[in-house]
Amino acid sequence: MDIRTKPTLSHNDIVNLNFIRQPCSYCFRIHNREGLRSRLLQVLKAEDVLLETQGVLQEGIRLFPVAQPVAMLRIFKKQFKIWTEVQKEIENYKLVQRHVFAHHYAASSEFIVDYMQGGNNQIMLCGFQEYVPGEAVDPWHENTRLKIETDMDNSPTGTLDLALSNLASFIGCIKDMALQTQTIPDLAGVGNLILTPKAEIKLVDINNISGFSHETTIPLDDKNYPVSDKSMQALYNLDTQVLGNDQAENEELYRFFMDPQRIRAVREIEIAFQKRTAQPTNYPAAKAKS
């Protein structure tokens, strides 16, 4: 079965791929935040996984430390037919590199492989991505700022002021990117933005970049989802509800997308998408300007 469409993946599924060198000294484990566009697996040291089950004695107490990934392996679900399609995906990541500070996204090494499927070679795009520990920043929850405060209260290395400063820096990068390139990363999905224990704000969905324009037609991605509008709404929510930017509704970037009539139209498309895919996104409707 094609690994890009297989419902679940195991360690053996990965090590049996034709482009994985044998013997493999790493273990692969499916990640809990896998998205619609990529299969996402944790890359773990075999000895760390062994300690999870055998444990280690410390001062007479046997502890079972959870193995921490050394990297993430991303396998794109898309079945590419021509090289230009792959190049477009890689260019999306380069857009992020050019416009977002390096400490605001999970760095990745993209690579292209020949995937053997049904006796034929197929183009597959993969990436070894930086593992980012931390908590998801939910742009749709009204108590997101409180959640950030709690996370930083429990962090030995981060503070609330630093977290908010980093969030403001990240939002500034995304605004500049949007204004200069008419594109925006996918900020809509819960889990696409991570707050680390060090109070860093990092984008982990680095390849789903969508274009937009100030036209009445609402653009859809390849899944027929209004991701650019939803990402703009998510950015607005973070800017206003978490940072308290009370001037955001007057900014040129937001004014068009936060129009109440457009928000309603986007919501109708989103509901239709949910019914069609039976995969509810659980994003509440954006709050329109009064």
Protein backbone atom coordinates (compact mmCIF):
# COMPACT_ATOMS: atom_id res chain seq x y z
CA MET A 1 0.00 0.00 0.00
CA ASP A 2 1.22 3.51 -0.80
CA ILE A 3 2.80 4.93 2.36
CA ARG A 4 1.41 8.38 1.53
CA THR A 5 -2.18 7.14 1.84
CA LYS A 6 -1.83 4.30 4.37
CA PRO A 7 -4.12 5.00 7.37
CA THR A 8 -1.39 4.39 9.98
CA LEU A 9 2.36 4.04 9.81
CA SER A 10 4.71 1.88 11.87
CA HIS A 11 8.45 1.84 12.40
CA ASN A 12 8.74 -1.09 10.00
CA ASP A 13 6.87 0.83 7.30
CA ILE A 14 9.61 3.45 7.37
CA VAL A 15 12.71 1.26 7.67
CA ASN A 16 11.45 -0.89 4.77
CA LEU A 17 11.37 2.10 2.42
CA ASN A 18 13.83 1.72 -0.43
CA PHE A 19 15.65 4.95 0.43
CA ILE A 20 16.29 4.18 4.13
CA ARG A 21 19.79 2.85 4.75
CA GLN A 22 20.11 -0.50 6.51
CA PRO A 23 20.78 -1.23 9.28
CA CYS A 24 18.91 1.76 10.68
CA SER A 25 20.01 2.99 14.12
CA TYR A 26 16.88 5.08 14.67
CA CYS A 27 13.28 4.32 15.60
CA PHE A 28 10.32 6.01 13.91
CA ARG A 29 7.07 6.83 15.68
CA ILE A 30 3.97 8.54 14.28
CA HIS A 31 3.55 12.08 15.62
CA ASN A 32 0.29 13.19 17.22
CA ARG A 33 0.08 16.42 15.17
CA GLU A 34 0.12 14.94 11.70
CA GLY A 35 -1.50 17.27 9.17
CA LEU A 36 -3.58 16.94 6.02
CA ARG A 37 -0.63 17.46 3.68
CA SER A 38 2.18 15.44 5.31
CA ARG A 39 2.88 12.25 7.21
CA LEU A 40 4.86 13.29 10.28
CA LEU A 41 7.07 10.90 12.24
CA GLN A 42 9.34 11.31 15.22
CA VAL A 43 12.94 10.22 14.69
CA LEU A 44 14.19 8.67 17.94
CA LYS A 45 17.47 7.15 19.09
CA ALA A 46 17.05 3.40 19.55
CA GLU A 47 18.75 3.47 22.96
CA ASP A 48 16.32 6.17 24.17
CA VAL A 49 13.33 4.08 23.11
CA LEU A 50 14.82 1.09 24.95
CA LEU A 51 14.94 3.10 28.18
CA GLU A 52 11.19 3.72 27.88
CA THR A 53 10.50 0.04 28.46
CA GLN A 54 13.53 -1.13 30.48
CA GLY A 55 13.90 1.99 32.57
CA VAL A 56 17.00 3.30 34.33
CA LEU A 57 17.91 3.17 38.02
CA GLN A 58 18.54 6.49 39.71
CA GLU A 59 19.22 6.46 43.46
CA GLY A 60 17.46 3.11 43.76
CA ILE A 61 14.37 4.23 41.85
CA ARG A 62 13.61 2.88 38.38
CA LEU A 63 12.55 5.66 36.04
CA PHE A 64 11.10 5.31 32.55
CA PRO A 65 12.04 8.48 30.65
CA VAL A 66 10.04 9.23 27.53
CA ALA A 67 12.26 9.28 24.43
CA GLN A 68 12.56 12.74 22.88
CA PRO A 69 12.82 13.07 19.09
CA VAL A 70 16.10 14.20 17.60
CA ALA A 71 14.27 15.29 14.44
CA MET A 72 10.98 14.95 12.58
CA LEU A 73 10.58 13.10 9.29
CA ARG A 74 7.96 14.61 6.98
CA ILE A 75 6.65 12.65 4.01
CA PHE A 76 4.45 14.66 1.69
CA LYS A 77 1.17 12.96 0.85
CA LYS A 78 0.94 14.59 -2.55
CA GLN A 79 1.80 12.35 -5.49
CA PHE A 80 3.93 14.55 -7.73
CA LYS A 81 3.84 13.97 -11.47
CA ILE A 82 6.43 16.49 -12.62
CA TRP A 83 9.49 18.13 -11.08
CA THR A 84 8.05 21.64 -11.25
CA GLU A 85 5.38 20.63 -8.72
CA VAL A 86 8.09 19.58 -6.27
CA GLN A 87 10.04 22.77 -6.86
CA LYS A 88 6.91 24.79 -6.02
CA GLU A 89 6.62 23.03 -2.65
CA ILE A 90 10.27 23.70 -1.87
CA GLU A 91 9.86 27.34 -2.88
CA ASN A 92 7.12 27.68 -0.26
CA TYR A 93 9.65 26.86 2.47
CA LYS A 94 12.12 29.30 0.93
CA LEU A 95 9.47 32.03 1.20
CA VAL A 96 9.33 31.43 4.94
CA GLN A 97 13.14 31.47 5.14
CA ARG A 98 13.31 34.82 3.38
CA HIS A 99 10.63 36.63 5.37
CA VAL A 100 10.48 35.05 8.84
CA PHE A 101 13.29 35.23 11.40
CA ALA A 102 15.08 31.89 11.82
CA HIS A 103 14.07 31.56 15.48
CA HIS A 104 10.37 31.71 14.47
CA TYR A 105 10.14 28.54 12.38
CA ALA A 106 11.23 24.91 12.52
CA ALA A 107 14.23 24.55 10.22
CA SER A 108 14.05 21.73 7.68
CA SER A 109 16.27 19.97 5.14
CA GLU A 110 14.08 19.10 2.17
CA PHE A 111 15.05 16.17 -0.04
CA ILE A 112 13.61 14.36 -3.05
CA VAL A 113 13.72 10.57 -3.38
CA ASP A 114 12.71 7.84 -5.81
CA TYR A 115 9.91 5.96 -4.09
CA MET A 116 9.34 2.40 -5.29
CA GLN A 117 5.61 1.78 -5.54
CA GLY A 118 4.03 -1.04 -7.55
CA GLY A 119 7.31 -1.71 -9.33
CA ASN A 120 7.58 1.89 -10.52
CA ASN A 121 9.74 4.80 -9.41
CA GLN A 122 7.74 7.78 -8.19
CA ILE A 123 8.77 11.24 -7.06
CA MET A 124 8.48 11.73 -3.31
CA LEU A 125 9.28 14.86 -1.31
CA CYS A 126 10.46 14.49 2.27
CA GLY A 127 12.05 16.65 4.92
CA PHE A 128 14.08 16.25 8.09
CA GLN A 129 12.69 18.98 10.29
CA GLU A 130 13.75 20.40 13.61
CA TYR A 131 11.78 18.95 16.52
CA VAL A 132 10.05 21.74 18.46
CA PRO A 133 8.95 20.84 22.01
CA GLY A 134 6.23 22.87 23.64
CA GLU A 135 2.54 23.67 23.65
CA ALA A 136 0.27 24.59 20.75
CA VAL A 137 -0.77 28.23 20.46
CA ASP A 138 -4.49 28.15 19.66
CA PRO A 139 -5.54 31.23 17.68
CA TRP A 140 -9.23 30.35 18.05
CA HIS A 141 -9.56 30.08 21.84
CA GLU A 142 -10.60 33.17 23.75
CA ASN A 143 -8.32 32.17 26.68
CA THR A 144 -5.15 31.69 24.65
CA ARG A 145 -3.35 34.51 26.48
CA LEU A 146 -4.23 32.91 29.82
CA LYS A 147 -2.92 29.57 28.53
CA ILE A 148 0.37 31.23 27.56
CA GLU A 149 0.60 32.82 31.03
CA THR A 150 0.08 29.41 32.65
CA ASP A 151 2.65 27.73 30.40
CA MET A 152 5.24 30.38 31.24
CA ASP A 153 4.45 30.21 34.96
CA ASN A 154 5.33 26.51 34.77
CA SER A 155 8.44 27.06 32.67
CA PRO A 156 11.88 27.26 34.34
CA THR A 157 13.41 29.04 31.35
CA GLY A 158 10.72 31.33 29.85
CA THR A 159 8.69 34.32 30.96
CA LEU A 160 5.37 35.79 29.86
CA ASP A 161 6.97 39.05 28.74
CA LEU A 162 9.43 37.16 26.55
CA ALA A 163 6.67 34.96 25.09
CA LEU A 164 4.54 38.00 24.19
CA SER A 165 7.57 39.79 22.76
CA ASN A 166 8.37 36.77 20.59
CA LEU A 167 4.74 36.52 19.48
CA ALA A 168 4.75 40.20 18.50
CA SER A 169 7.97 39.62 16.53
CA PHE A 170 6.46 36.60 14.77
CA ILE A 171 3.25 38.48 13.89
CA GLY A 172 5.35 41.33 12.54
CA CYS A 173 7.24 38.92 10.26
CA ILE A 174 4.00 37.41 8.93
CA LYS A 175 2.49 40.85 8.29
CA ASP A 176 5.58 41.92 6.35
CA MET A 177 5.55 38.66 4.37
CA ALA A 178 1.86 39.10 3.54
CA LEU A 179 2.24 42.71 2.45
CA GLN A 180 5.35 42.08 0.36
CA THR A 181 4.43 38.75 -1.28
CA GLN A 182 0.63 38.45 -1.03
CA THR A 183 1.12 35.07 0.68
CA ILE A 184 0.57 33.77 4.20
CA PRO A 185 1.56 30.54 6.00
CA ASP A 186 -1.11 28.21 7.38
CA LEU A 187 -1.84 29.63 10.84
CA ALA A 188 -5.37 28.23 10.95
CA GLY A 189 -4.62 24.74 12.22
CA VAL A 190 -4.26 24.27 15.98
CA GLY A 191 -0.73 22.95 16.46
CA ASN A 192 0.84 24.83 13.56
CA LEU A 193 2.32 27.36 15.98
CA ILE A 194 4.26 26.19 19.06
CA LEU A 195 5.26 27.99 22.26
CA THR A 196 8.47 26.40 23.53
CA PRO A 197 9.55 26.19 27.20
CA LYS A 198 12.10 28.92 26.38
CA ALA A 199 9.22 31.24 25.35
CA GLU A 200 10.05 30.96 21.64
CA ILE A 201 7.21 31.11 19.10
CA LYS A 202 7.80 28.72 16.20
CA LEU A 203 5.85 27.88 13.06
CA VAL A 204 6.05 24.13 12.39
CA ASP A 205 3.78 23.89 9.33
CA ILE A 206 6.36 25.50 7.06
CA ASN A 207 5.25 24.34 3.61
CA ASN A 208 1.59 25.22 3.37
CA ILE A 209 1.82 28.75 1.99
CA SER A 210 -1.22 30.24 0.28
CA GLY A 211 -1.66 33.28 -1.89
CA PHE A 212 -4.39 35.89 -1.54
CA SER A 213 -5.67 39.00 -3.25
CA HIS A 214 -8.19 41.72 -2.52
CA GLU A 215 -10.85 40.17 -4.72
CA THR A 216 -14.36 39.12 -3.78
CA THR A 217 -13.68 35.52 -4.86
CA ILE A 218 -12.44 33.54 -1.87
CA PRO A 219 -9.34 31.49 -2.79
CA LEU A 220 -9.29 27.77 -1.92
CA ASP A 221 -6.34 25.42 -1.53
CA ASP A 222 -5.97 22.02 -3.22
CA LYS A 223 -8.34 20.57 -0.61
CA ASN A 224 -10.95 23.25 -1.40
CA TYR A 225 -10.43 24.84 2.01
CA PRO A 226 -10.27 28.66 2.44
CA VAL A 227 -6.91 28.45 4.18
CA SER A 228 -5.65 31.94 3.31
CA ASP A 229 -8.73 33.67 4.76
CA LYS A 230 -8.71 31.42 7.84
CA SER A 231 -4.99 32.10 8.34
CA MET A 232 -5.65 35.85 8.15
CA GLN A 233 -8.43 35.47 10.72
CA ALA A 234 -6.07 33.48 12.96
CA LEU A 235 -3.41 36.18 12.67
CA TYR A 236 -5.98 38.83 13.55
CA ASN A 237 -7.11 36.83 16.60
CA LEU A 238 -3.54 36.51 17.89
CA ASP A 239 -2.87 40.18 17.26
CA THR A 240 -6.00 41.42 19.02
CA GLN A 241 -6.93 38.82 21.64
CA VAL A 242 -3.43 37.85 22.80
CA LEU A 243 -1.37 40.98 22.15
CA GLY A 244 -4.27 43.40 22.66
CA ASN A 245 -3.68 45.37 19.46
CA ASP A 246 -6.79 47.58 19.48
CA GLN A 247 -5.73 49.29 16.24
CA ALA A 248 -5.63 46.08 14.20
CA GLU A 249 -9.07 46.57 12.64
CA ASN A 250 -7.81 49.77 11.03
CA GLU A 251 -4.79 48.12 9.41
CA GLU A 252 -4.88 47.73 5.65
CA LEU A 253 -3.90 44.05 5.84
CA TYR A 254 -6.88 43.09 7.99
CA ARG A 255 -9.60 45.49 6.86
CA PHE A 256 -10.60 43.58 3.74
CA PHE A 257 -10.51 40.08 5.27
CA MET A 258 -12.33 40.96 8.48
CA ASP A 259 -15.36 42.35 6.68
CA PRO A 260 -18.42 40.67 8.28
CA GLN A 261 -19.91 39.63 4.94
CA ARG A 262 -16.64 37.98 3.85
CA ILE A 263 -16.28 36.20 7.20
CA ARG A 264 -19.77 34.73 6.79
CA ALA A 265 -18.96 33.56 3.25
CA VAL A 266 -15.72 31.94 4.44
CA ARG A 267 -17.58 30.20 7.25
CA GLU A 268 -20.11 28.75 4.79
CA ILE A 269 -17.28 27.32 2.68
CA GLU A 270 -15.64 25.91 5.80
CA ILE A 271 -18.85 24.20 6.93
CA ALA A 272 -19.29 22.66 3.47
CA PHE A 273 -15.68 21.42 3.65
CA GLN A 274 -16.31 19.82 7.04
CA LYS A 275 -19.40 18.01 5.79
CA ARG A 276 -17.63 16.82 2.64
CA THR A 277 -14.54 15.50 4.40
CA ALA A 278 -16.16 14.49 7.71
CA GLN A 279 -13.14 16.08 9.38
CA PRO A 280 -14.43 19.01 11.46
CA THR A 281 -11.78 21.64 12.05
CA ASN A 282 -13.47 23.03 15.18
CA TYR A 283 -12.39 26.57 14.36
CA PRO A 284 -15.00 28.97 15.73
CA ALA A 285 -16.14 31.76 13.47
CA ALA A 286 -13.94 34.84 13.54
CA LYS A 287 -15.28 37.85 15.35
CA ALA A 288 -16.26 40.44 12.78
CA LYS A 289 -15.92 44.15 13.32
CA SER A 290 -19.05 45.75 14.66
